[in-house]
Amino acid sequence: MKQLYLLLTVSIWLSMIIGAGMLLYPRLKSFALSTLVVMLTVVLGFFFVEHFVGLGDLSALMPVGLVLALGVIYLRRHDWAAAQDEIQAFVACFFWALAWRIKIPNLDGGTEKLMNLDLLASYREGVMLPPNDMWLAGHPLNMYYGLQHYAGALMGRIMHFSIGVNYQFAFATVIGARKGFARSAFE
């Protein structure tokens, strides 16, 4: 049952990423750039709104996002051949990072795992920003470098992940984008 959940979750998440990337692909002619522009626009939009009102749980957006992503993929099906190399590079790096996180979840290149979990957990509440810091209770989480963690927590709120699954998927998505898009940009 866990394998089925993982397969469906990965399929939904990758469909949403690919749909986001294909949205602006005809104009930008780069899947990597298109994906990053769309994702950054979505994250900054939610980040802006949540400075005024907390949106809470966003899991109702997952089916809407999936339908929109599949619709964009279908409408841009004629661009698939041109973007295929970049998409394959991203997906391969995403699966490599996710397999690494599943096989050896405690192995990573940094020492800030607890801080990353704290930032994800604090932003996962969906309250008005800045949220309360879970590590330093009673203080606001007003870090200047929290946008990447906010984006990871936003992904978890939309996909309705637990904090541990959220951390692993965010890690794999960042590695997939960083390595896959860098690899495809230099080919």
C-alpha atoms as a PDB file:
ATOM      1  CA  MET A   1       0.000   0.000   0.000  1.00  0.00           C
ATOM      2  CA  LYS A   2       2.892   2.364   0.743  1.00  0.00           C
ATOM      3  CA  GLN A   3       4.293   1.785  -2.747  1.00  0.00           C
ATOM      4  CA  LEU A   4       0.939   2.645  -4.342  1.00  0.00           C
ATOM      5  CA  TYR A   5       0.702   5.831  -2.252  1.00  0.00           C
ATOM      6  CA  LEU A   6       4.245   6.774  -3.218  1.00  0.00           C
ATOM      7  CA  LEU A   7       3.622   6.065  -6.918  1.00  0.00           C
ATOM      8  CA  LEU A   8       0.421   8.131  -6.991  1.00  0.00           C
ATOM      9  CA  THR A   9       1.950  10.951  -4.976  1.00  0.00           C
ATOM     10  CA  VAL A  10       5.027  11.150  -7.203  1.00  0.00           C
ATOM     11  CA  SER A  11       2.827  11.014 -10.312  1.00  0.00           C
ATOM     12  CA  ILE A  12       0.604  13.833  -9.066  1.00  0.00           C
ATOM     13  CA  TRP A  13       3.527  16.014  -7.969  1.00  0.00           C
ATOM     14  CA  LEU A  14       5.505  15.508 -11.188  1.00  0.00           C
ATOM     15  CA  SER A  15       2.372  16.158 -13.271  1.00  0.00           C
ATOM     16  CA  MET A  16       1.905  19.461 -11.465  1.00  0.00           C
ATOM     17  CA  ILE A  17       5.566  20.435 -11.965  1.00  0.00           C
ATOM     18  CA  ILE A  18       5.530  19.470 -15.653  1.00  0.00           C
ATOM     19  CA  GLY A  19       2.224  21.296 -16.168  1.00  0.00           C
ATOM     20  CA  ALA A  20       3.705  24.408 -14.582  1.00  0.00           C
ATOM     21  CA  GLY A  21       6.738  24.148 -16.816  1.00  0.00           C
ATOM     22  CA  MET A  22       4.718  23.674 -19.980  1.00  0.00           C
ATOM     23  CA  LEU A  23       2.503  26.676 -19.203  1.00  0.00           C
ATOM     24  CA  LEU A  24       5.004  29.295 -20.435  1.00  0.00           C
ATOM     25  CA  TYR A  25       7.143  26.987 -22.548  1.00  0.00           C
ATOM     26  CA  PRO A  26       5.967  28.320 -25.959  1.00  0.00           C
ATOM     27  CA  ARG A  27       7.024  31.855 -24.989  1.00  0.00           C
ATOM     28  CA  LEU A  28      10.249  31.130 -23.102  1.00  0.00           C
ATOM     29  CA  LYS A  29      11.459  28.075 -25.092  1.00  0.00           C
ATOM     30  CA  SER A  30      13.028  26.665 -21.930  1.00  0.00           C
ATOM     31  CA  PHE A  31      11.272  24.180 -19.675  1.00  0.00           C
ATOM     32  CA  ALA A  32      13.619  25.013 -16.802  1.00  0.00           C
ATOM     33  CA  LEU A  33      13.039  28.752 -17.024  1.00  0.00           C
ATOM     34  CA  SER A  34       9.302  28.332 -17.536  1.00  0.00           C
ATOM     35  CA  THR A  35       9.005  26.023 -14.520  1.00  0.00           C
ATOM     36  CA  LEU A  36      10.993  28.340 -12.280  1.00  0.00           C
ATOM     37  CA  VAL A  37       9.052  31.443 -13.371  1.00  0.00           C
ATOM     38  CA  VAL A  38       5.648  29.807 -12.814  1.00  0.00           C
ATOM     39  CA  MET A  39       6.619  28.227  -9.482  1.00  0.00           C
ATOM     40  CA  LEU A  40       8.219  31.432  -8.205  1.00  0.00           C
ATOM     41  CA  THR A  41       5.130  33.411  -9.233  1.00  0.00           C
ATOM     42  CA  VAL A  42       2.835  30.987  -7.389  1.00  0.00           C
ATOM     43  CA  VAL A  43       5.024  30.918  -4.264  1.00  0.00           C
ATOM     44  CA  LEU A  44       5.443  34.704  -4.162  1.00  0.00           C
ATOM     45  CA  GLY A  45       1.698  35.151  -4.684  1.00  0.00           C
ATOM     46  CA  PHE A  46       0.845  32.945  -1.721  1.00  0.00           C
ATOM     47  CA  PHE A  47       3.693  34.500   0.300  1.00  0.00           C
ATOM     48  CA  PHE A  48       2.271  37.985  -0.337  1.00  0.00           C
ATOM     49  CA  VAL A  49      -1.317  37.025   0.507  1.00  0.00           C
ATOM     50  CA  GLU A  50      -0.316  35.198   3.688  1.00  0.00           C
ATOM     51  CA  HIS A  51       1.293  38.331   5.061  1.00  0.00           C
ATOM     52  CA  PHE A  52      -2.257  39.684   5.365  1.00  0.00           C
ATOM     53  CA  VAL A  53      -4.330  36.564   6.034  1.00  0.00           C
ATOM     54  CA  GLY A  54      -3.392  32.970   6.840  1.00  0.00           C
ATOM     55  CA  LEU A  55      -4.843  30.513   4.343  1.00  0.00           C
ATOM     56  CA  GLY A  56      -4.585  27.379   6.489  1.00  0.00           C
ATOM     57  CA  ASP A  57      -4.834  23.966   4.893  1.00  0.00           C
ATOM     58  CA  LEU A  58      -4.626  24.131   1.100  1.00  0.00           C
ATOM     59  CA  SER A  59      -5.160  20.455   0.285  1.00  0.00           C
ATOM     60  CA  ALA A  60      -8.319  21.340  -1.677  1.00  0.00           C
ATOM     61  CA  LEU A  61      -6.045  22.985  -4.265  1.00  0.00           C
ATOM     62  CA  MET A  62      -4.314  19.700  -5.134  1.00  0.00           C
ATOM     63  CA  PRO A  63      -7.105  18.256  -7.333  1.00  0.00           C
ATOM     64  CA  VAL A  64      -7.630  21.661  -8.954  1.00  0.00           C
ATOM     65  CA  GLY A  65      -3.893  22.001  -9.608  1.00  0.00           C
ATOM     66  CA  LEU A  66      -3.712  18.481 -11.001  1.00  0.00           C
ATOM     67  CA  VAL A  67      -6.618  19.037 -13.404  1.00  0.00           C
ATOM     68  CA  LEU A  68      -5.132  22.357 -14.550  1.00  0.00           C
ATOM     69  CA  ALA A  69      -1.683  20.778 -14.982  1.00  0.00           C
ATOM     70  CA  LEU A  70      -3.049  17.865 -17.004  1.00  0.00           C
ATOM     71  CA  GLY A  71      -5.024  20.311 -19.116  1.00  0.00           C
ATOM     72  CA  VAL A  72      -1.908  22.384 -19.822  1.00  0.00           C
ATOM     73  CA  ILE A  73       0.089  19.236 -20.631  1.00  0.00           C
ATOM     74  CA  TYR A  74      -2.628  18.178 -23.069  1.00  0.00           C
ATOM     75  CA  LEU A  75      -2.867  21.611 -24.695  1.00  0.00           C
ATOM     76  CA  ARG A  76       0.933  21.830 -25.037  1.00  0.00           C
ATOM     77  CA  ARG A  77       1.361  18.254 -26.278  1.00  0.00           C
ATOM     78  CA  HIS A  78       2.831  19.511 -29.560  1.00  0.00           C
ATOM     79  CA  ASP A  79       5.702  21.145 -27.576  1.00  0.00           C
ATOM     80  CA  TRP A  80       6.535  17.911 -25.766  1.00  0.00           C
ATOM     81  CA  ALA A  81       9.229  16.826 -28.233  1.00  0.00           C
ATOM     82  CA  ALA A  82      11.120  20.113 -27.873  1.00  0.00           C
ATOM     83  CA  ALA A  83      10.991  20.078 -24.058  1.00  0.00           C
ATOM     84  CA  GLN A  84      11.523  16.336 -23.644  1.00  0.00           C
ATOM     85  CA  ASP A  85      15.254  16.463 -22.850  1.00  0.00           C
ATOM     86  CA  GLU A  86      14.810  19.065 -20.120  1.00  0.00           C
ATOM     87  CA  ILE A  87      11.841  17.213 -18.626  1.00  0.00           C
ATOM     88  CA  GLN A  88      13.739  13.920 -18.617  1.00  0.00           C
ATOM     89  CA  ALA A  89      16.738  15.555 -16.926  1.00  0.00           C
ATOM     90  CA  PHE A  90      14.529  17.009 -14.188  1.00  0.00           C
ATOM     91  CA  VAL A  91      12.577  13.771 -13.653  1.00  0.00           C
ATOM     92  CA  ALA A  92      15.759  11.660 -13.561  1.00  0.00           C
ATOM     93  CA  CYS A  93      17.385  13.937 -10.983  1.00  0.00           C
ATOM     94  CA  PHE A  94      14.151  14.066  -8.961  1.00  0.00           C
ATOM     95  CA  PHE A  95      13.929  10.253  -8.860  1.00  0.00           C
ATOM     96  CA  TRP A  96      17.635   9.968  -8.028  1.00  0.00           C
ATOM     97  CA  ALA A  97      17.233  12.342  -5.074  1.00  0.00           C
ATOM     98  CA  LEU A  98      13.989  10.719  -3.900  1.00  0.00           C
ATOM     99  CA  ALA A  99      15.511   7.222  -4.082  1.00  0.00           C
ATOM    100  CA  TRP A 100      18.474   8.499  -2.099  1.00  0.00           C
ATOM    101  CA  ARG A 101      16.141  10.013   0.530  1.00  0.00           C
ATOM    102  CA  ILE A 102      14.077   6.787   0.747  1.00  0.00           C
ATOM    103  CA  LYS A 103      17.107   4.486   0.965  1.00  0.00           C
ATOM    104  CA  ILE A 104      19.219   6.574   3.372  1.00  0.00           C
ATOM    105  CA  PRO A 105      16.977   9.337   4.801  1.00  0.00           C
ATOM    106  CA  ASN A 106      19.494  10.486   7.410  1.00  0.00           C
ATOM    107  CA  LEU A 107      22.312  11.073   4.948  1.00  0.00           C
ATOM    108  CA  ASP A 108      22.549  14.572   3.572  1.00  0.00           C
ATOM    109  CA  GLY A 109      25.214  17.115   2.801  1.00  0.00           C
ATOM    110  CA  GLY A 110      24.303  19.602   5.509  1.00  0.00           C
ATOM    111  CA  THR A 111      24.018  19.816   9.239  1.00  0.00           C
ATOM    112  CA  GLU A 112      20.898  21.948   9.381  1.00  0.00           C
ATOM    113  CA  LYS A 113      18.273  19.186   9.221  1.00  0.00           C
ATOM    114  CA  LEU A 114      16.610  20.218  12.502  1.00  0.00           C
ATOM    115  CA  MET A 115      16.523  23.848  11.443  1.00  0.00           C
ATOM    116  CA  ASN A 116      15.043  22.895   8.061  1.00  0.00           C
ATOM    117  CA  LEU A 117      12.386  20.786   9.792  1.00  0.00           C
ATOM    118  CA  ASP A 118      11.663  23.664  12.172  1.00  0.00           C
ATOM    119  CA  LEU A 119      11.201  26.112   9.314  1.00  0.00           C
ATOM    120  CA  LEU A 120       8.994  23.702   7.353  1.00  0.00           C
ATOM    121  CA  ALA A 121       6.898  22.899  10.422  1.00  0.00           C
ATOM    122  CA  SER A 122       6.502  26.571  11.325  1.00  0.00           C
ATOM    123  CA  TYR A 123       5.366  27.545   7.828  1.00  0.00           C
ATOM    124  CA  ARG A 124       3.085  24.475   7.559  1.00  0.00           C
ATOM    125  CA  GLU A 125       0.611  25.965   9.999  1.00  0.00           C
ATOM    126  CA  GLY A 126      -0.793  28.277   7.319  1.00  0.00           C
ATOM    127  CA  VAL A 127      -1.185  31.228   9.676  1.00  0.00           C
ATOM    128  CA  MET A 128      -0.546  34.865   8.893  1.00  0.00           C
ATOM    129  CA  LEU A 129       3.149  35.464   8.283  1.00  0.00           C
ATOM    130  CA  PRO A 130       5.449  35.552  10.136  1.00  0.00           C
ATOM    131  CA  PRO A 131       4.331  32.402  11.968  1.00  0.00           C
ATOM    132  CA  ASN A 132       5.359  31.469  15.477  1.00  0.00           C
ATOM    133  CA  ASP A 133       8.743  29.805  15.632  1.00  0.00           C
ATOM    134  CA  MET A 134       8.375  26.221  16.855  1.00  0.00           C
ATOM    135  CA  TRP A 135      11.975  26.132  18.006  1.00  0.00           C
ATOM    136  CA  LEU A 136      11.928  29.399  19.962  1.00  0.00           C
ATOM    137  CA  ALA A 137       8.368  29.297  21.198  1.00  0.00           C
ATOM    138  CA  GLY A 138       6.763  32.675  21.676  1.00  0.00           C
ATOM    139  CA  HIS A 139       8.893  34.391  19.059  1.00  0.00           C
ATOM    140  CA  PRO A 140       7.954  35.089  15.443  1.00  0.00           C
ATOM    141  CA  LEU A 141       9.804  33.261  12.694  1.00  0.00           C
ATOM    142  CA  ASN A 142      11.219  36.262  10.898  1.00  0.00           C
ATOM    143  CA  MET A 143      14.203  34.721   9.141  1.00  0.00           C
ATOM    144  CA  TYR A 144      15.439  36.511   6.073  1.00  0.00           C
ATOM    145  CA  TYR A 145      16.097  33.273   4.164  1.00  0.00           C
ATOM    146  CA  GLY A 146      12.787  31.510   4.642  1.00  0.00           C
ATOM    147  CA  LEU A 147      11.298  31.656   1.126  1.00  0.00           C
ATOM    148  CA  GLN A 148      12.646  28.257   0.067  1.00  0.00           C
ATOM    149  CA  HIS A 149      11.307  26.708   3.259  1.00  0.00           C
ATOM    150  CA  TYR A 150       8.002  28.511   2.766  1.00  0.00           C
ATOM    151  CA  ALA A 151       7.829  27.058  -0.759  1.00  0.00           C
ATOM    152  CA  GLY A 152       8.502  23.567   0.617  1.00  0.00           C
ATOM    153  CA  ALA A 153       5.851  23.983   3.291  1.00  0.00           C
ATOM    154  CA  LEU A 154       3.403  25.340   0.703  1.00  0.00           C
ATOM    155  CA  MET A 155       3.991  22.194  -1.347  1.00  0.00           C
ATOM    156  CA  GLY A 156       3.248  20.102   1.739  1.00  0.00           C
ATOM    157  CA  ARG A 157       0.081  22.052   2.487  1.00  0.00           C
ATOM    158  CA  ILE A 158      -1.194  21.623  -1.062  1.00  0.00           C
ATOM    159  CA  MET A 159      -0.234  17.935  -1.299  1.00  0.00           C
ATOM    160  CA  HIS A 160      -1.355  17.280   2.322  1.00  0.00           C
ATOM    161  CA  PHE A 161       1.974  15.717   3.327  1.00  0.00           C
ATOM    162  CA  SER A 162       3.133  14.907   6.810  1.00  0.00           C
ATOM    163  CA  ILE A 163       6.168  16.958   7.813  1.00  0.00           C
ATOM    164  CA  GLY A 164       8.582  14.069   7.194  1.00  0.00           C
ATOM    165  CA  VAL A 165       7.236  13.312   3.715  1.00  0.00           C
ATOM    166  CA  ASN A 166       7.154  17.057   3.038  1.00  0.00           C
ATOM    167  CA  TYR A 167      10.864  17.317   3.894  1.00  0.00           C
ATOM    168  CA  GLN A 168      11.811  14.403   1.625  1.00  0.00           C
ATOM    169  CA  PHE A 169       9.759  15.637  -1.356  1.00  0.00           C
ATOM    170  CA  ALA A 170      10.992  19.214  -0.966  1.00  0.00           C
ATOM    171  CA  PHE A 171      14.577  17.937  -0.885  1.00  0.00           C
ATOM    172  CA  ALA A 172      14.038  15.820  -4.008  1.00  0.00           C
ATOM    173  CA  THR A 173      12.322  18.684  -5.837  1.00  0.00           C
ATOM    174  CA  VAL A 174      15.114  21.134  -5.061  1.00  0.00           C
ATOM    175  CA  ILE A 175      17.783  18.625  -6.119  1.00  0.00           C
ATOM    176  CA  GLY A 176      15.798  17.748  -9.258  1.00  0.00           C
ATOM    177  CA  ALA A 177      15.498  21.413 -10.202  1.00  0.00           C
ATOM    178  CA  ARG A 178      19.054  22.298  -9.308  1.00  0.00           C
ATOM    179  CA  LYS A 179      20.791  19.360 -10.948  1.00  0.00           C
ATOM    180  CA  GLY A 180      18.293  18.571 -13.711  1.00  0.00           C
ATOM    181  CA  PHE A 181      17.859  22.127 -14.892  1.00  0.00           C
ATOM    182  CA  ALA A 182      21.587  22.860 -14.661  1.00  0.00           C
ATOM    183  CA  ARG A 183      22.327  19.712 -16.642  1.00  0.00           C
ATOM    184  CA  SER A 184      19.788  20.529 -19.328  1.00  0.00           C
ATOM    185  CA  ALA A 185      20.980  24.148 -19.602  1.00  0.00           C
ATOM    186  CA  PHE A 186      24.503  23.110 -20.575  1.00  0.00           C
ATOM    187  CA  GLU A 187      23.575  20.521 -23.207  1.00  0.00           C
END
